[in-house]
Amino acid sequence: MGGVTKKPISNIEKRLKRQEEQQQKGKKKISKTGSEVISKNIQISDEMIKKIQEEIKREKLITPYELATKTNITLSVAKRILKDLNAQGIIKEVFRNRRTAVYINPQA
């Protein structure tokens, strides 16, 4: 009997507000912790490598987590650094699991 009814203004306003929020979310990438996502392209300087080698000399064994916490770098960068040092022969891999690896200093 009746035709299509017009939606109330409040529903239209709500829809527009939701669309604006989605556009803002698309512009900003925010991680689950609430901080902004930063670029993961990290350049490892020679100074950082020397600092890490000094840290390794003091330890009997080292894991990527220990290295990351001591040098304030991300875990993925720590894994990559330890993998490179193992390939160079500076450290030796003793144990590898699907989650982590354990390295030792062969001179110690």
C-alpha atoms as a PDB file:
ATOM      1  CA  MET A   1       0.000   0.000   0.000  1.00  0.00           C
ATOM      2  CA  GLY A   2       2.738   2.329   0.805  1.00  0.00           C
ATOM      3  CA  GLY A   3       5.890   2.886  -1.068  1.00  0.00           C
ATOM      4  CA  VAL A   4       9.464   2.991   0.024  1.00  0.00           C
ATOM      5  CA  THR A   5       9.784   5.111   3.111  1.00  0.00           C
ATOM      6  CA  LYS A   6      12.501   7.669   3.536  1.00  0.00           C
ATOM      7  CA  LYS A   7      15.127   6.854   6.094  1.00  0.00           C
ATOM      8  CA  PRO A   8      15.341   9.154   9.081  1.00  0.00           C
ATOM      9  CA  ILE A   9      18.066  11.787   9.038  1.00  0.00           C
ATOM     10  CA  SER A  10      19.785  10.216  12.049  1.00  0.00           C
ATOM     11  CA  ASN A  11      20.370   6.958  10.107  1.00  0.00           C
ATOM     12  CA  ILE A  12      21.839   8.880   7.178  1.00  0.00           C
ATOM     13  CA  GLU A  13      24.140  10.800   9.534  1.00  0.00           C
ATOM     14  CA  LYS A  14      25.277   7.567  11.191  1.00  0.00           C
ATOM     15  CA  ARG A  15      26.055   6.010   7.806  1.00  0.00           C
ATOM     16  CA  LEU A  16      28.077   9.059   6.716  1.00  0.00           C
ATOM     17  CA  LYS A  17      29.958   9.033  10.011  1.00  0.00           C
ATOM     18  CA  ARG A  18      30.851   5.338   9.576  1.00  0.00           C
ATOM     19  CA  GLN A  19      32.082   5.978   6.033  1.00  0.00           C
ATOM     20  CA  GLU A  20      34.326   8.820   7.238  1.00  0.00           C
ATOM     21  CA  GLU A  21      35.777   6.600   9.982  1.00  0.00           C
ATOM     22  CA  GLN A  22      36.532   3.839   7.476  1.00  0.00           C
ATOM     23  CA  GLN A  23      38.295   6.309   5.193  1.00  0.00           C
ATOM     24  CA  GLN A  24      40.416   7.521   8.105  1.00  0.00           C
ATOM     25  CA  LYS A  25      41.282   3.936   9.050  1.00  0.00           C
ATOM     26  CA  GLY A  26      42.370   3.305   5.476  1.00  0.00           C
ATOM     27  CA  LYS A  27      44.741   6.261   5.611  1.00  0.00           C
ATOM     28  CA  LYS A  28      46.426   5.355   8.911  1.00  0.00           C
ATOM     29  CA  LYS A  29      47.905   1.955   9.569  1.00  0.00           C
ATOM     30  CA  ILE A  30      47.677   1.275  13.283  1.00  0.00           C
ATOM     31  CA  SER A  31      48.886  -1.913  14.883  1.00  0.00           C
ATOM     32  CA  LYS A  32      46.978  -3.834  17.535  1.00  0.00           C
ATOM     33  CA  THR A  33      48.933  -2.118  20.299  1.00  0.00           C
ATOM     34  CA  GLY A  34      47.735   1.278  19.106  1.00  0.00           C
ATOM     35  CA  SER A  35      51.059   2.673  17.981  1.00  0.00           C
ATOM     36  CA  GLU A  36      51.697   3.619  14.380  1.00  0.00           C
ATOM     37  CA  VAL A  37      53.392   1.094  12.141  1.00  0.00           C
ATOM     38  CA  ILE A  38      56.884   2.193  11.149  1.00  0.00           C
ATOM     39  CA  SER A  39      58.977   1.092   8.237  1.00  0.00           C
ATOM     40  CA  LYS A  40      60.691  -2.257   8.672  1.00  0.00           C
ATOM     41  CA  ASN A  41      63.575  -1.393   6.342  1.00  0.00           C
ATOM     42  CA  ILE A  42      66.387  -1.089   8.845  1.00  0.00           C
ATOM     43  CA  GLN A  43      69.972  -0.392   7.866  1.00  0.00           C
ATOM     44  CA  ILE A  44      72.450  -2.190  10.107  1.00  0.00           C
ATOM     45  CA  SER A  45      75.518  -0.034  10.601  1.00  0.00           C
ATOM     46  CA  ASP A  46      79.061  -1.279  11.200  1.00  0.00           C
ATOM     47  CA  GLU A  47      78.907   0.347  14.624  1.00  0.00           C
ATOM     48  CA  MET A  48      75.878  -1.797  15.495  1.00  0.00           C
ATOM     49  CA  ILE A  49      77.664  -4.959  14.302  1.00  0.00           C
ATOM     50  CA  LYS A  50      80.705  -4.128  16.471  1.00  0.00           C
ATOM     51  CA  LYS A  51      78.458  -3.513  19.467  1.00  0.00           C
ATOM     52  CA  ILE A  52      76.738  -6.854  18.898  1.00  0.00           C
ATOM     53  CA  GLN A  53      80.059  -8.690  18.532  1.00  0.00           C
ATOM     54  CA  GLU A  54      81.233  -7.220  21.848  1.00  0.00           C
ATOM     55  CA  GLU A  55      77.986  -8.363  23.430  1.00  0.00           C
ATOM     56  CA  ILE A  56      78.445 -11.878  22.028  1.00  0.00           C
ATOM     57  CA  LYS A  57      82.004 -12.113  23.380  1.00  0.00           C
ATOM     58  CA  ARG A  58      80.696 -11.601  26.929  1.00  0.00           C
ATOM     59  CA  GLU A  59      78.058 -14.332  26.681  1.00  0.00           C
ATOM     60  CA  LYS A  60      78.479 -18.102  26.642  1.00  0.00           C
ATOM     61  CA  LEU A  61      75.359 -18.591  24.556  1.00  0.00           C
ATOM     62  CA  ILE A  62      73.022 -16.185  22.858  1.00  0.00           C
ATOM     63  CA  THR A  63      69.501 -16.317  21.465  1.00  0.00           C
ATOM     64  CA  PRO A  64      67.777 -13.847  19.145  1.00  0.00           C
ATOM     65  CA  TYR A  65      65.544 -12.677  21.996  1.00  0.00           C
ATOM     66  CA  GLU A  66      68.487 -11.878  24.269  1.00  0.00           C
ATOM     67  CA  LEU A  67      70.215  -9.956  21.496  1.00  0.00           C
ATOM     68  CA  ALA A  68      67.058  -8.020  20.635  1.00  0.00           C
ATOM     69  CA  THR A  69      66.415  -6.966  24.223  1.00  0.00           C
ATOM     70  CA  LYS A  70      70.023  -5.966  24.933  1.00  0.00           C
ATOM     71  CA  THR A  71      70.540  -3.937  21.758  1.00  0.00           C
ATOM     72  CA  ASN A  72      66.973  -2.581  21.445  1.00  0.00           C
ATOM     73  CA  ILE A  73      66.313  -3.944  17.945  1.00  0.00           C
ATOM     74  CA  THR A  74      63.438  -6.016  16.615  1.00  0.00           C
ATOM     75  CA  LEU A  75      63.487  -9.787  16.890  1.00  0.00           C
ATOM     76  CA  SER A  76      63.502 -10.314  13.127  1.00  0.00           C
ATOM     77  CA  VAL A  77      66.561  -8.069  12.753  1.00  0.00           C
ATOM     78  CA  ALA A  78      68.311  -9.930  15.585  1.00  0.00           C
ATOM     79  CA  LYS A  79      67.621 -13.263  13.865  1.00  0.00           C
ATOM     80  CA  ARG A  80      69.007 -11.951  10.594  1.00  0.00           C
ATOM     81  CA  ILE A  81      72.164 -10.588  12.267  1.00  0.00           C
ATOM     82  CA  LEU A  82      72.831 -13.859  14.092  1.00  0.00           C
ATOM     83  CA  LYS A  83      72.281 -15.819  10.883  1.00  0.00           C
ATOM     84  CA  ASP A  84      74.818 -13.611   9.061  1.00  0.00           C
ATOM     85  CA  LEU A  85      77.372 -13.902  11.877  1.00  0.00           C
ATOM     86  CA  ASN A  86      76.934 -17.684  11.820  1.00  0.00           C
ATOM     87  CA  ALA A  87      77.604 -17.731   8.074  1.00  0.00           C
ATOM     88  CA  GLN A  88      80.772 -15.678   8.634  1.00  0.00           C
ATOM     89  CA  GLY A  89      81.964 -18.114  11.302  1.00  0.00           C
ATOM     90  CA  ILE A  90      82.021 -15.587  14.144  1.00  0.00           C
ATOM     91  CA  ILE A  91      79.452 -17.586  16.106  1.00  0.00           C
ATOM     92  CA  LYS A  92      78.322 -21.203  15.898  1.00  0.00           C
ATOM     93  CA  GLU A  93      74.773 -22.515  15.842  1.00  0.00           C
ATOM     94  CA  VAL A  94      74.297 -25.211  18.465  1.00  0.00           C
ATOM     95  CA  PHE A  95      70.572 -25.823  18.379  1.00  0.00           C
ATOM     96  CA  ARG A  96      67.778 -24.863  16.007  1.00  0.00           C
ATOM     97  CA  ASN A  97      64.090 -25.280  16.547  1.00  0.00           C
ATOM     98  CA  ARG A  98      61.243 -24.106  14.347  1.00  0.00           C
ATOM     99  CA  ARG A  99      60.831 -21.163  16.702  1.00  0.00           C
ATOM    100  CA  THR A 100      64.322 -20.163  17.756  1.00  0.00           C
ATOM    101  CA  ALA A 101      68.005 -20.889  17.480  1.00  0.00           C
ATOM    102  CA  VAL A 102      70.776 -20.982  20.075  1.00  0.00           C
ATOM    103  CA  TYR A 103      74.270 -19.794  19.229  1.00  0.00           C
ATOM    104  CA  ILE A 104      77.578 -19.988  21.091  1.00  0.00           C
ATOM    105  CA  ASN A 105      80.836 -18.113  20.843  1.00  0.00           C
ATOM    106  CA  PRO A 106      83.448 -20.635  19.616  1.00  0.00           C
ATOM    107  CA  GLN A 107      86.321 -18.681  21.211  1.00  0.00           C
ATOM    108  CA  ALA A 108      84.791 -18.832  24.702  1.00  0.00           C
END
